[in-house]
C-alpha cells in the first residue's frame, strides 16, 4: 500500500520540476556562458526578475526560450523592432499594464530588453 501511494504521488504531478520553488528556471541559464548571446542573457535576467514570478501556466514556457530564435518563434518579440514587440508593448514603460501591481521596470532593465530585441 505504501509503495502504491508513493508511486501515485510521484506520477500524479507530471512535471519534471517543482513549480513552487521555481527550479524550472534553472535551465534558462544555459546560454549565458555563450558570449555571442550576452544581450539575450541580460534580457533573460530582467524577465526572470520582473516577469516569471507572477506568471504561471502558459507563461512557464518563457523559461524554455533559451535562444533568440525561440523568442522570435514565440511571436512575443519582433526582430529589430522593440517598439512593435508584444513583450515591450505590455510593459507599463510603454503604456501597457505589466508588471501588474508593481512599478514599471527601471530604466536599465527596460533598455536591456529593448536593446536585445533591436539587435536581433
PDB file of N, CA and C in Angstrom:
ATOM      1  N   UNK A   1       0.824  -1.197   0.000  1.00  0.00           N
ATOM      2  CA  UNK A   1       0.000   0.000   0.000  1.00  0.00           C
ATOM      3  C   UNK A   1       0.868   1.261   0.000  1.00  0.00           C
ATOM      4  N   UNK A   2       1.920   1.277   0.846  1.00  0.00           N
ATOM      5  CA  UNK A   2       2.802   2.434   0.891  1.00  0.00           C
ATOM      6  C   UNK A   2       3.487   2.642  -0.453  1.00  0.00           C
ATOM      7  N   UNK A   3       3.894   1.533  -1.058  1.00  0.00           N
ATOM      8  CA  UNK A   3       4.562   1.626  -2.356  1.00  0.00           C
ATOM      9  C   UNK A   3       3.604   2.208  -3.396  1.00  0.00           C
ATOM     10  N   UNK A   4       2.356   1.789  -3.371  1.00  0.00           N
ATOM     11  CA  UNK A   4       1.349   2.282  -4.314  1.00  0.00           C
ATOM     12  C   UNK A   4       1.124   3.784  -4.122  1.00  0.00           C
ATOM     13  N   UNK A   5       0.995   4.254  -2.887  1.00  0.00           N
ATOM     14  CA  UNK A   5       0.799   5.668  -2.622  1.00  0.00           C
ATOM     15  C   UNK A   5       2.006   6.493  -3.064  1.00  0.00           C
ATOM     16  N   UNK A   6       3.187   5.966  -2.816  1.00  0.00           N
ATOM     17  CA  UNK A   6       4.404   6.653  -3.228  1.00  0.00           C
ATOM     18  C   UNK A   6       4.442   6.805  -4.746  1.00  0.00           C
ATOM     19  N   UNK A   7       4.130   5.744  -5.482  1.00  0.00           N
ATOM     20  CA  UNK A   7       4.133   5.790  -6.945  1.00  0.00           C
ATOM     21  C   UNK A   7       3.065   6.760  -7.456  1.00  0.00           C
ATOM     22  N   UNK A   8       1.915   6.757  -6.826  1.00  0.00           N
ATOM     23  CA  UNK A   8       0.841   7.672  -7.207  1.00  0.00           C
ATOM     24  C   UNK A   8       1.279   9.119  -6.999  1.00  0.00           C
ATOM     25  N   UNK A   9       1.905   9.380  -5.877  1.00  0.00           N
ATOM     26  CA  UNK A   9       2.374  10.723  -5.559  1.00  0.00           C
ATOM     27  C   UNK A   9       3.407  11.196  -6.575  1.00  0.00           C
ATOM     28  N   UNK A  10       4.335  10.349  -6.939  1.00  0.00           N
ATOM     29  CA  UNK A  10       5.388  10.716  -7.886  1.00  0.00           C
ATOM     30  C   UNK A  10       4.816  10.954  -9.279  1.00  0.00           C
ATOM     31  N   UNK A  11       3.931  10.104  -9.717  1.00  0.00           N
ATOM     32  CA  UNK A  11       3.430  10.209 -11.089  1.00  0.00           C
ATOM     33  C   UNK A  11       2.281  11.202 -11.246  1.00  0.00           C
ATOM     34  N   UNK A  12       1.665  11.619 -10.179  1.00  0.00           N
ATOM     35  CA  UNK A  12       0.488  12.477 -10.299  1.00  0.00           C
ATOM     36  C   UNK A  12       0.811  13.887 -10.768  1.00  0.00           C
ATOM     37  N   UNK A  13       1.982  14.340 -10.522  1.00  0.00           N
ATOM     38  CA  UNK A  13       2.323  15.711 -10.878  1.00  0.00           C
ATOM     39  C   UNK A  13       2.532  15.857 -12.379  1.00  0.00           C
ATOM     40  N   UNK A  14       3.298  14.981 -12.975  1.00  0.00           N
ATOM     41  CA  UNK A  14       3.546  15.060 -14.403  1.00  0.00           C
ATOM     42  C   UNK A  14       4.560  16.117 -14.796  1.00  0.00           C
ATOM     43  N   UNK A  15       5.197  16.767 -13.832  1.00  0.00           N
ATOM     44  CA  UNK A  15       6.194  17.791 -14.109  1.00  0.00           C
ATOM     45  C   UNK A  15       7.575  17.241 -13.792  1.00  0.00           C
ATOM     46  N   UNK A  16       8.557  17.762 -14.488  1.00  0.00           N
ATOM     47  CA  UNK A  16       9.934  17.372 -14.201  1.00  0.00           C
ATOM     48  C   UNK A  16      10.614  18.412 -13.331  1.00  0.00           C
ATOM     49  N   UNK A  17       9.820  19.312 -12.722  1.00  0.00           N
ATOM     50  CA  UNK A  17      10.368  20.352 -11.871  1.00  0.00           C
ATOM     51  C   UNK A  17       9.370  20.674 -10.769  1.00  0.00           C
ATOM     52  N   UNK A  18       9.832  21.358  -9.747  1.00  0.00           N
ATOM     53  CA  UNK A  18       8.986  21.794  -8.658  1.00  0.00           C
ATOM     54  C   UNK A  18       8.573  23.231  -8.941  1.00  0.00           C
ATOM     55  N   UNK A  19       7.348  23.447  -9.395  1.00  0.00           N
ATOM     56  CA  UNK A  19       6.916  24.789  -9.786  1.00  0.00           C
ATOM     57  C   UNK A  19       6.867  25.750  -8.597  1.00  0.00           C
ATOM     58  N   UNK A  20       6.740  25.240  -7.399  1.00  0.00           N
ATOM     59  CA  UNK A  20       6.701  26.113  -6.228  1.00  0.00           C
ATOM     60  C   UNK A  20       8.063  26.719  -5.921  1.00  0.00           C
ATOM     61  N   UNK A  21       9.125  26.003  -6.243  1.00  0.00           N
ATOM     62  CA  UNK A  21      10.460  26.510  -5.940  1.00  0.00           C
ATOM     63  C   UNK A  21      11.078  27.234  -7.117  1.00  0.00           C
ATOM     64  N   UNK A  22      10.377  27.286  -8.252  1.00  0.00           N
ATOM     65  CA  UNK A  22      10.855  27.938  -9.469  1.00  0.00           C
ATOM     66  C   UNK A  22      12.104  27.268 -10.040  1.00  0.00           C
ATOM     67  N   UNK A  23      12.344  25.983  -9.713  1.00  0.00           N
ATOM     68  CA  UNK A  23      13.531  25.349 -10.258  1.00  0.00           C
ATOM     69  C   UNK A  23      13.416  25.054 -11.741  1.00  0.00           C
ATOM     70  N   UNK A  24      12.239  25.277 -12.339  1.00  0.00           N
ATOM     71  CA  UNK A  24      12.120  25.145 -13.784  1.00  0.00           C
ATOM     72  C   UNK A  24      12.905  26.248 -14.487  1.00  0.00           C
ATOM     73  N   UNK A  25      13.301  27.287 -13.762  1.00  0.00           N
ATOM     74  CA  UNK A  25      14.072  28.372 -14.363  1.00  0.00           C
ATOM     75  C   UNK A  25      15.559  28.051 -14.453  1.00  0.00           C
ATOM     76  N   UNK A  26      16.008  27.007 -13.798  1.00  0.00           N
ATOM     77  CA  UNK A  26      17.431  26.715 -13.784  1.00  0.00           C
ATOM     78  C   UNK A  26      17.990  26.507 -15.176  1.00  0.00           C
ATOM     79  N   UNK A  27      17.244  25.888 -16.054  1.00  0.00           N
ATOM     80  CA  UNK A  27      17.712  25.652 -17.405  1.00  0.00           C
ATOM     81  C   UNK A  27      17.887  26.924 -18.196  1.00  0.00           C
ATOM     82  N   UNK A  28      17.271  28.008 -17.766  1.00  0.00           N
ATOM     83  CA  UNK A  28      17.335  29.242 -18.524  1.00  0.00           C
ATOM     84  C   UNK A  28      18.699  29.912 -18.440  1.00  0.00           C
ATOM     85  N   UNK A  29      19.604  29.389 -17.671  1.00  0.00           N
ATOM     86  CA  UNK A  29      20.936  29.969 -17.552  1.00  0.00           C
ATOM     87  C   UNK A  29      21.930  29.348 -18.525  1.00  0.00           C
ATOM     88  N   UNK A  30      21.524  28.347 -19.287  1.00  0.00           N
ATOM     89  CA  UNK A  30      22.433  27.594 -20.138  1.00  0.00           C
ATOM     90  C   UNK A  30      23.211  28.471 -21.100  1.00  0.00           C
ATOM     91  N   UNK A  31      22.553  29.353 -21.815  1.00  0.00           N
ATOM     92  CA  UNK A  31      23.202  30.123 -22.855  1.00  0.00           C
ATOM     93  C   UNK A  31      24.030  31.273 -22.326  1.00  0.00           C
ATOM     94  N   UNK A  32      23.964  31.569 -21.060  1.00  0.00           N
ATOM     95  CA  UNK A  32      24.660  32.727 -20.514  1.00  0.00           C
ATOM     96  C   UNK A  32      26.178  32.597 -20.587  1.00  0.00           C
ATOM     97  N   UNK A  33      26.687  31.421 -20.790  1.00  0.00           N
ATOM     98  CA  UNK A  33      28.131  31.256 -20.921  1.00  0.00           C
ATOM     99  C   UNK A  33      28.593  31.536 -22.345  1.00  0.00           C
ATOM    100  N   UNK A  34      27.668  31.715 -23.270  1.00  0.00           N
ATOM    101  CA  UNK A  34      27.982  31.975 -24.668  1.00  0.00           C
ATOM    102  C   UNK A  34      28.065  33.487 -24.876  1.00  0.00           C
ATOM    103  N   UNK A  35      29.263  34.015 -25.142  1.00  0.00           N
ATOM    104  CA  UNK A  35      29.431  35.463 -25.236  1.00  0.00           C
ATOM    105  C   UNK A  35      28.660  36.076 -26.399  1.00  0.00           C
ATOM    106  N   UNK A  36      28.319  35.286 -27.410  1.00  0.00           N
ATOM    107  CA  UNK A  36      27.545  35.828 -28.525  1.00  0.00           C
ATOM    108  C   UNK A  36      26.083  36.064 -28.138  1.00  0.00           C
ATOM    109  N   UNK A  37      25.679  35.580 -26.996  1.00  0.00           N
ATOM    110  CA  UNK A  37      24.294  35.732 -26.530  1.00  0.00           C
ATOM    111  C   UNK A  37      24.202  36.638 -25.305  1.00  0.00           C
ATOM    112  N   UNK A  38      25.146  37.566 -25.143  1.00  0.00           N
ATOM    113  CA  UNK A  38      25.186  38.423 -23.956  1.00  0.00           C
ATOM    114  C   UNK A  38      23.888  39.205 -23.767  1.00  0.00           C
ATOM    115  N   UNK A  39      23.357  39.805 -24.831  1.00  0.00           N
ATOM    116  CA  UNK A  39      22.133  40.602 -24.692  1.00  0.00           C
ATOM    117  C   UNK A  39      20.935  39.725 -24.356  1.00  0.00           C
ATOM    118  N   UNK A  40      20.908  38.521 -24.918  1.00  0.00           N
ATOM    119  CA  UNK A  40      19.848  37.577 -24.576  1.00  0.00           C
ATOM    120  C   UNK A  40      19.933  37.199 -23.107  1.00  0.00           C
ATOM    121  N   UNK A  41      21.128  36.990 -22.616  1.00  0.00           N
ATOM    122  CA  UNK A  41      21.312  36.649 -21.202  1.00  0.00           C
ATOM    123  C   UNK A  41      20.864  37.797 -20.305  1.00  0.00           C
ATOM    124  N   UNK A  42      21.225  39.018 -20.670  1.00  0.00           N
ATOM    125  CA  UNK A  42      20.800  40.186 -19.884  1.00  0.00           C
ATOM    126  C   UNK A  42      19.281  40.314 -19.892  1.00  0.00           C
ATOM    127  N   UNK A  43      18.669  40.107 -21.046  1.00  0.00           N
ATOM    128  CA  UNK A  43      17.207  40.177 -21.138  1.00  0.00           C
ATOM    129  C   UNK A  43      16.568  39.089 -20.284  1.00  0.00           C
ATOM    130  N   UNK A  44      17.148  37.896 -20.322  1.00  0.00           N
ATOM    131  CA  UNK A  44      16.628  36.798 -19.518  1.00  0.00           C
ATOM    132  C   UNK A  44      16.646  37.148 -18.036  1.00  0.00           C
ATOM    133  N   UNK A  45      17.708  37.780 -17.580  1.00  0.00           N
ATOM    134  CA  UNK A  45      17.797  38.173 -16.172  1.00  0.00           C
ATOM    135  C   UNK A  45      16.675  39.146 -15.815  1.00  0.00           C
ATOM    136  N   UNK A  46      16.369  40.077 -16.717  1.00  0.00           N
ATOM    137  CA  UNK A  46      15.281  41.037 -16.490  1.00  0.00           C
ATOM    138  C   UNK A  46      13.936  40.303 -16.431  1.00  0.00           C
ATOM    139  N   UNK A  47      13.726  39.386 -17.354  1.00  0.00           N
ATOM    140  CA  UNK A  47      12.461  38.647 -17.416  1.00  0.00           C
ATOM    141  C   UNK A  47      12.279  37.776 -16.180  1.00  0.00           C
ATOM    142  N   UNK A  48      13.340  37.096 -15.763  1.00  0.00           N
ATOM    143  CA  UNK A  48      13.248  36.252 -14.561  1.00  0.00           C
ATOM    144  C   UNK A  48      12.968  37.115 -13.334  1.00  0.00           C
ATOM    145  N   UNK A  49      13.627  38.243 -13.245  1.00  0.00           N
ATOM    146  CA  UNK A  49      13.479  39.124 -12.078  1.00  0.00           C
ATOM    147  C   UNK A  49      12.118  39.815 -12.031  1.00  0.00           C
ATOM    148  N   UNK A  50      11.568  40.183 -13.180  1.00  0.00           N
ATOM    149  CA  UNK A  50      10.374  41.027 -13.198  1.00  0.00           C
ATOM    150  C   UNK A  50       9.099  40.371 -13.703  1.00  0.00           C
ATOM    151  N   UNK A  51       9.197  39.244 -14.366  1.00  0.00           N
ATOM    152  CA  UNK A  51       8.015  38.694 -15.041  1.00  0.00           C
ATOM    153  C   UNK A  51       7.622  37.291 -14.570  1.00  0.00           C
ATOM    154  N   UNK A  52       8.568  36.384 -14.563  1.00  0.00           N
ATOM    155  CA  UNK A  52       8.274  34.964 -14.344  1.00  0.00           C
ATOM    156  C   UNK A  52       7.623  34.698 -12.993  1.00  0.00           C
ATOM    157  N   UNK A  53       8.018  35.414 -11.942  1.00  0.00           N
ATOM    158  CA  UNK A  53       7.457  35.141 -10.609  1.00  0.00           C
ATOM    159  C   UNK A  53       5.945  35.239 -10.556  1.00  0.00           C
ATOM    160  N   UNK A  54       5.369  36.143 -11.309  1.00  0.00           N
ATOM    161  CA  UNK A  54       3.915  36.356 -11.245  1.00  0.00           C
ATOM    162  C   UNK A  54       3.133  35.499 -12.227  1.00  0.00           C
ATOM    163  N   UNK A  55       3.782  34.998 -13.218  1.00  0.00           N
ATOM    164  CA  UNK A  55       3.086  34.241 -14.252  1.00  0.00           C
ATOM    165  C   UNK A  55       3.183  32.745 -13.980  1.00  0.00           C
ATOM    166  N   UNK A  56       2.114  32.064 -14.312  1.00  0.00           N
ATOM    167  CA  UNK A  56       2.103  30.600 -14.205  1.00  0.00           C
ATOM    168  C   UNK A  56       1.413  30.048 -15.434  1.00  0.00           C
ATOM    169  N   UNK A  57       1.401  28.744 -15.570  1.00  0.00           N
ATOM    170  CA  UNK A  57       0.721  28.123 -16.710  1.00  0.00           C
ATOM    171  C   UNK A  57       1.399  28.458 -18.015  1.00  0.00           C
ATOM    172  N   UNK A  58       0.686  29.113 -18.914  1.00  0.00           N
ATOM    173  CA  UNK A  58       1.191  29.447 -20.249  1.00  0.00           C
ATOM    174  C   UNK A  58       2.557  30.124 -20.195  1.00  0.00           C
ATOM    175  N   UNK A  59       2.734  31.045 -19.278  1.00  0.00           N
ATOM    176  CA  UNK A  59       3.961  31.818 -19.223  1.00  0.00           C
ATOM    177  C   UNK A  59       5.165  31.006 -18.742  1.00  0.00           C
ATOM    178  N   UNK A  60       4.926  29.828 -18.158  1.00  0.00           N
ATOM    179  CA  UNK A  60       6.056  28.992 -17.786  1.00  0.00           C
ATOM    180  C   UNK A  60       6.879  28.614 -19.004  1.00  0.00           C
ATOM    181  N   UNK A  61       6.291  28.662 -20.192  1.00  0.00           N
ATOM    182  CA  UNK A  61       7.045  28.339 -21.398  1.00  0.00           C
ATOM    183  C   UNK A  61       8.144  29.358 -21.645  1.00  0.00           C
ATOM    184  N   UNK A  62       8.011  30.560 -21.107  1.00  0.00           N
ATOM    185  CA  UNK A  62       9.049  31.562 -21.290  1.00  0.00           C
ATOM    186  C   UNK A  62      10.394  31.053 -20.810  1.00  0.00           C
ATOM    187  N   UNK A  63      10.406  30.260 -19.761  1.00  0.00           N
ATOM    188  CA  UNK A  63      11.663  29.728 -19.225  1.00  0.00           C
ATOM    189  C   UNK A  63      12.336  28.779 -20.205  1.00  0.00           C
ATOM    190  N   UNK A  64      11.595  28.281 -21.169  1.00  0.00           N
ATOM    191  CA  UNK A  64      12.185  27.358 -22.146  1.00  0.00           C
ATOM    192  C   UNK A  64      12.727  28.079 -23.374  1.00  0.00           C
ATOM    193  N   UNK A  65      12.528  29.382 -23.474  1.00  0.00           N
ATOM    194  CA  UNK A  65      13.053  30.137 -24.609  1.00  0.00           C
ATOM    195  C   UNK A  65      14.517  30.461 -24.331  1.00  0.00           C
ATOM    196  N   UNK A  66      15.399  29.594 -24.817  1.00  0.00           N
ATOM    197  CA  UNK A  66      16.818  29.715 -24.495  1.00  0.00           C
ATOM    198  C   UNK A  66      17.637  30.343 -25.610  1.00  0.00           C
ATOM    199  N   UNK A  67      16.998  30.697 -26.699  1.00  0.00           N
ATOM    200  CA  UNK A  67      17.710  31.284 -27.832  1.00  0.00           C
ATOM    201  C   UNK A  67      16.888  32.440 -28.400  1.00  0.00           C
ATOM    202  N   UNK A  68      17.553  33.267 -29.171  1.00  0.00           N
ATOM    203  CA  UNK A  68      16.839  34.344 -29.856  1.00  0.00           C
ATOM    204  C   UNK A  68      15.773  33.768 -30.784  1.00  0.00           C
ATOM    205  N   UNK A  69      16.111  32.691 -31.460  1.00  0.00           N
ATOM    206  CA  UNK A  69      15.160  32.054 -32.379  1.00  0.00           C
ATOM    207  C   UNK A  69      13.910  31.600 -31.645  1.00  0.00           C
ATOM    208  N   UNK A  70      14.071  31.027 -30.478  1.00  0.00           N
ATOM    209  CA  UNK A  70      12.913  30.581 -29.696  1.00  0.00           C
ATOM    210  C   UNK A  70      12.029  31.766 -29.323  1.00  0.00           C
ATOM    211  N   UNK A  71      12.631  32.882 -28.923  1.00  0.00           N
ATOM    212  CA  UNK A  71      11.852  34.070 -28.593  1.00  0.00           C
ATOM    213  C   UNK A  71      11.149  34.623 -29.827  1.00  0.00           C
ATOM    214  N   UNK A  72      11.846  34.652 -30.965  1.00  0.00           N
ATOM    215  CA  UNK A  72      11.226  35.130 -32.201  1.00  0.00           C
ATOM    216  C   UNK A  72      10.052  34.244 -32.597  1.00  0.00           C
ATOM    217  N   UNK A  73      10.226  32.933 -32.471  1.00  0.00           N
ATOM    218  CA  UNK A  73       9.156  31.999 -32.817  1.00  0.00           C
ATOM    219  C   UNK A  73       7.951  32.120 -31.891  1.00  0.00           C
ATOM    220  N   UNK A  74       8.162  32.664 -30.692  1.00  0.00           N
ATOM    221  CA  UNK A  74       7.063  32.828 -29.733  1.00  0.00           C
ATOM    222  C   UNK A  74       6.114  33.953 -30.144  1.00  0.00           C
ATOM    223  N   UNK A  75       6.548  34.798 -31.056  1.00  0.00           N
ATOM    224  CA  UNK A  75       5.796  35.975 -31.516  1.00  0.00           C
ATOM    225  C   UNK A  75       5.682  37.061 -30.443  1.00  0.00           C
ATOM    226  N   UNK A  76       6.449  36.951 -29.374  1.00  0.00           N
ATOM    227  CA  UNK A  76       6.445  37.982 -28.336  1.00  0.00           C
ATOM    228  C   UNK A  76       7.400  39.121 -28.667  1.00  0.00           C
ATOM    229  N   UNK A  77       8.348  38.859 -29.553  1.00  0.00           N
ATOM    230  CA  UNK A  77       9.272  39.903 -29.972  1.00  0.00           C
ATOM    231  C   UNK A  77       9.344  39.927 -31.495  1.00  0.00           C
ATOM    232  N   UNK A  78       9.679  41.098 -32.019  1.00  0.00           N
ATOM    233  CA  UNK A  78       9.834  41.294 -33.456  1.00  0.00           C
ATOM    234  C   UNK A  78      11.279  41.701 -33.714  1.00  0.00           C
ATOM    235  N   UNK A  79      11.984  40.937 -34.485  1.00  0.00           N
ATOM    236  CA  UNK A  79      13.399  41.166 -34.746  1.00  0.00           C
ATOM    237  C   UNK A  79      13.674  42.601 -35.174  1.00  0.00           C
ATOM    238  N   UNK A  80      14.573  43.267 -34.424  1.00  0.00           N
ATOM    239  CA  UNK A  80      14.983  44.617 -34.764  1.00  0.00           C
ATOM    240  C   UNK A  80      13.946  45.689 -34.525  1.00  0.00           C
ATOM    241  N   UNK A  81      12.837  45.355 -33.866  1.00  0.00           N
ATOM    242  CA  UNK A  81      11.751  46.312 -33.701  1.00  0.00           C
ATOM    243  C   UNK A  81      11.111  46.182 -32.317  1.00  0.00           C
ATOM    244  N   UNK A  82      11.823  46.656 -31.327  1.00  0.00           N
ATOM    245  CA  UNK A  82      11.299  46.521 -29.963  1.00  0.00           C
ATOM    246  C   UNK A  82      10.002  47.304 -29.765  1.00  0.00           C
ATOM    247  N   UNK A  83       9.869  48.430 -30.442  1.00  0.00           N
ATOM    248  CA  UNK A  83       8.674  49.263 -30.244  1.00  0.00           C
ATOM    249  C   UNK A  83       7.389  48.578 -30.704  1.00  0.00           C
ATOM    250  N   UNK A  84       7.496  47.582 -31.556  1.00  0.00           N
ATOM    251  CA  UNK A  84       6.322  46.829 -32.005  1.00  0.00           C
ATOM    252  C   UNK A  84       6.315  45.397 -31.489  1.00  0.00           C
ATOM    253  N   UNK A  85       7.127  45.119 -30.491  1.00  0.00           N
ATOM    254  CA  UNK A  85       7.177  43.782 -29.905  1.00  0.00           C
ATOM    255  C   UNK A  85       6.200  43.689 -28.743  1.00  0.00           C
ATOM    256  N   UNK A  86       5.390  42.648 -28.742  1.00  0.00           N
ATOM    257  CA  UNK A  86       4.367  42.470 -27.706  1.00  0.00           C
ATOM    258  C   UNK A  86       4.971  42.508 -26.304  1.00  0.00           C
ATOM    259  N   UNK A  87       6.139  41.915 -26.138  1.00  0.00           N
ATOM    260  CA  UNK A  87       6.786  41.909 -24.824  1.00  0.00           C
ATOM    261  C   UNK A  87       6.987  43.337 -24.316  1.00  0.00           C
ATOM    262  N   UNK A  88       7.396  44.238 -25.171  1.00  0.00           N
ATOM    263  CA  UNK A  88       7.612  45.636 -24.784  1.00  0.00           C
ATOM    264  C   UNK A  88       6.283  46.377 -24.647  1.00  0.00           C
ATOM    265  N   UNK A  89       5.379  46.169 -25.578  1.00  0.00           N
ATOM    266  CA  UNK A  89       4.095  46.871 -25.551  1.00  0.00           C
ATOM    267  C   UNK A  89       3.285  46.579 -24.298  1.00  0.00           C
ATOM    268  N   UNK A  90       3.482  45.413 -23.697  1.00  0.00           N
ATOM    269  CA  UNK A  90       2.749  45.044 -22.482  1.00  0.00           C
ATOM    270  C   UNK A  90       3.301  45.725 -21.229  1.00  0.00           C
ATOM    271  N   UNK A  91       4.500  46.282 -21.321  1.00  0.00           N
ATOM    272  CA  UNK A  91       5.125  46.886 -20.142  1.00  0.00           C
ATOM    273  C   UNK A  91       4.536  48.256 -19.839  1.00  0.00           C
ATOM    274  N   UNK A  92       4.443  48.593 -18.553  1.00  0.00           N
ATOM    275  CA  UNK A  92       3.971  49.910 -18.133  1.00  0.00           C
ATOM    276  C   UNK A  92       4.833  51.010 -18.752  1.00  0.00           C
ATOM    277  N   UNK A  93       6.111  50.740 -18.928  1.00  0.00           N
ATOM    278  CA  UNK A  93       7.017  51.728 -19.509  1.00  0.00           C
ATOM    279  C   UNK A  93       6.540  52.169 -20.892  1.00  0.00           C
ATOM    280  N   UNK A  94       5.839  51.290 -21.608  1.00  0.00           N
ATOM    281  CA  UNK A  94       5.381  51.585 -22.970  1.00  0.00           C
ATOM    282  C   UNK A  94       3.865  51.772 -23.033  1.00  0.00           C
ATOM    283  N   UNK A  95       3.214  51.944 -21.876  1.00  0.00           N
ATOM    284  CA  UNK A  95       1.779  52.184 -21.855  1.00  0.00           C
ATOM    285  C   UNK A  95       0.930  50.960 -21.551  1.00  0.00           C
ATOM    286  N   UNK A  96       1.559  49.817 -21.330  1.00  0.00           N
ATOM    287  CA  UNK A  96       0.824  48.597 -21.004  1.00  0.00           C
ATOM    288  C   UNK A  96       0.521  48.501 -19.520  1.00  0.00           C
ATOM    289  N   UNK A  97       0.235  47.289 -19.042  1.00  0.00           N
ATOM    290  CA  UNK A  97      -0.129  47.111 -17.638  1.00  0.00           C
ATOM    291  C   UNK A  97       0.795  46.145 -16.882  1.00  0.00           C
ATOM    292  N   UNK A  98       1.947  45.852 -17.416  1.00  0.00           N
ATOM    293  CA  UNK A  98       2.870  44.926 -16.765  1.00  0.00           C
ATOM    294  C   UNK A  98       4.129  45.660 -16.319  1.00  0.00           C
ATOM    295  N   UNK A  99       4.726  45.261 -15.222  1.00  0.00           N
ATOM    296  CA  UNK A  99       4.267  44.211 -14.320  1.00  0.00           C
ATOM    297  C   UNK A  99       3.063  44.662 -13.492  1.00  0.00           C
ATOM    298  N   UNK A 100       2.109  43.772 -13.408  1.00  0.00           N
ATOM    299  CA  UNK A 100       0.866  44.064 -12.703  1.00  0.00           C
ATOM    300  C   UNK A 100       1.144  44.260 -11.217  1.00  0.00           C
ATOM    301  N   UNK A 101       0.494  45.245 -10.628  1.00  0.00           N
ATOM    302  CA  UNK A 101       0.629  45.547  -9.196  1.00  0.00           C
ATOM    303  C   UNK A 101       2.070  45.826  -8.781  1.00  0.00           C
ATOM    304  N   UNK A 102       2.827  46.391  -9.688  1.00  0.00           N
ATOM    305  CA  UNK A 102       4.221  46.736  -9.395  1.00  0.00           C
ATOM    306  C   UNK A 102       4.589  47.971 -10.203  1.00  0.00           C
ATOM    307  N   UNK A 103       5.697  48.566  -9.834  1.00  0.00           N
ATOM    308  CA  UNK A 103       6.187  49.740 -10.559  1.00  0.00           C
ATOM    309  C   UNK A 103       6.689  49.331 -11.937  1.00  0.00           C
ATOM    310  N   UNK A 104       6.775  50.279 -12.856  1.00  0.00           N
ATOM    311  CA  UNK A 104       7.380  49.967 -14.156  1.00  0.00           C
ATOM    312  C   UNK A 104       8.804  49.478 -13.967  1.00  0.00           C
ATOM    313  N   UNK A 105       9.338  48.820 -14.981  1.00  0.00           N
ATOM    314  CA  UNK A 105      10.724  48.388 -14.914  1.00  0.00           C
ATOM    315  C   UNK A 105      11.631  49.603 -14.760  1.00  0.00           C
ATOM    316  N   UNK A 106      12.762  49.413 -14.067  1.00  0.00           N
ATOM    317  CA  UNK A 106      13.714  50.523 -14.009  1.00  0.00           C
ATOM    318  C   UNK A 106      14.296  50.735 -15.405  1.00  0.00           C
ATOM    319  N   UNK A 107      14.864  51.899 -15.634  1.00  0.00           N
ATOM    320  CA  UNK A 107      15.343  52.255 -16.971  1.00  0.00           C
ATOM    321  C   UNK A 107      16.376  51.268 -17.509  1.00  0.00           C
ATOM    322  N   UNK A 108      17.273  50.800 -16.662  1.00  0.00           N
ATOM    323  CA  UNK A 108      18.313  49.866 -17.114  1.00  0.00           C
ATOM    324  C   UNK A 108      17.693  48.556 -17.595  1.00  0.00           C
ATOM    325  N   UNK A 109      16.729  48.029 -16.862  1.00  0.00           N
ATOM    326  CA  UNK A 109      16.071  46.780 -17.258  1.00  0.00           C
ATOM    327  C   UNK A 109      15.261  46.969 -18.540  1.00  0.00           C
ATOM    328  N   UNK A 110      14.541  48.077 -18.615  1.00  0.00           N
ATOM    329  CA  UNK A 110      13.735  48.368 -19.803  1.00  0.00           C
ATOM    330  C   UNK A 110      14.633  48.488 -21.037  1.00  0.00           C
ATOM    331  N   UNK A 111      15.722  49.202 -20.897  1.00  0.00           N
ATOM    332  CA  UNK A 111      16.646  49.373 -22.021  1.00  0.00           C
ATOM    333  C   UNK A 111      17.337  48.068 -22.389  1.00  0.00           C
ATOM    334  N   UNK A 112      17.617  47.215 -21.415  1.00  0.00           N
ATOM    335  CA  UNK A 112      18.229  45.912 -21.711  1.00  0.00           C
ATOM    336  C   UNK A 112      17.308  45.089 -22.609  1.00  0.00           C
ATOM    337  N   UNK A 113      16.000  45.106 -22.316  1.00  0.00           N
ATOM    338  CA  UNK A 113      15.045  44.376 -23.149  1.00  0.00           C
ATOM    339  C   UNK A 113      14.975  44.980 -24.556  1.00  0.00           C
ATOM    340  N   UNK A 114      14.876  46.300 -24.632  1.00  0.00           N
ATOM    341  CA  UNK A 114      14.781  46.965 -25.929  1.00  0.00           C
ATOM    342  C   UNK A 114      16.059  46.755 -26.752  1.00  0.00           C
ATOM    343  N   UNK A 115      17.210  46.890 -26.135  1.00  0.00           N
ATOM    344  CA  UNK A 115      18.483  46.714 -26.845  1.00  0.00           C
ATOM    345  C   UNK A 115      18.614  45.288 -27.380  1.00  0.00           C
ATOM    346  N   UNK A 116      18.206  44.319 -26.589  1.00  0.00           N
ATOM    347  CA  UNK A 116      18.271  42.927 -27.015  1.00  0.00           C
ATOM    348  C   UNK A 116      17.407  42.723 -28.271  1.00  0.00           C
ATOM    349  N   UNK A 117      16.178  43.162 -28.211  1.00  0.00           N
ATOM    350  CA  UNK A 117      15.259  42.971 -29.339  1.00  0.00           C
ATOM    351  C   UNK A 117      15.741  43.749 -30.570  1.00  0.00           C
ATOM    352  N   UNK A 118      16.203  44.968 -30.366  1.00  0.00           N
ATOM    353  CA  UNK A 118      16.631  45.793 -31.500  1.00  0.00           C
ATOM    354  C   UNK A 118      17.869  45.260 -32.201  1.00  0.00           C
ATOM    355  N   UNK A 119      18.659  44.435 -31.530  1.00  0.00           N
ATOM    356  CA  UNK A 119      19.890  43.931 -32.148  1.00  0.00           C
ATOM    357  C   UNK A 119      19.763  42.503 -32.676  1.00  0.00           C
ATOM    358  N   UNK A 120      18.581  41.922 -32.589  1.00  0.00           N
ATOM    359  CA  UNK A 120      18.402  40.567 -33.118  1.00  0.00           C
ATOM    360  C   UNK A 120      18.261  40.662 -34.633  1.00  0.00           C
TER     361      UNK A 120
END
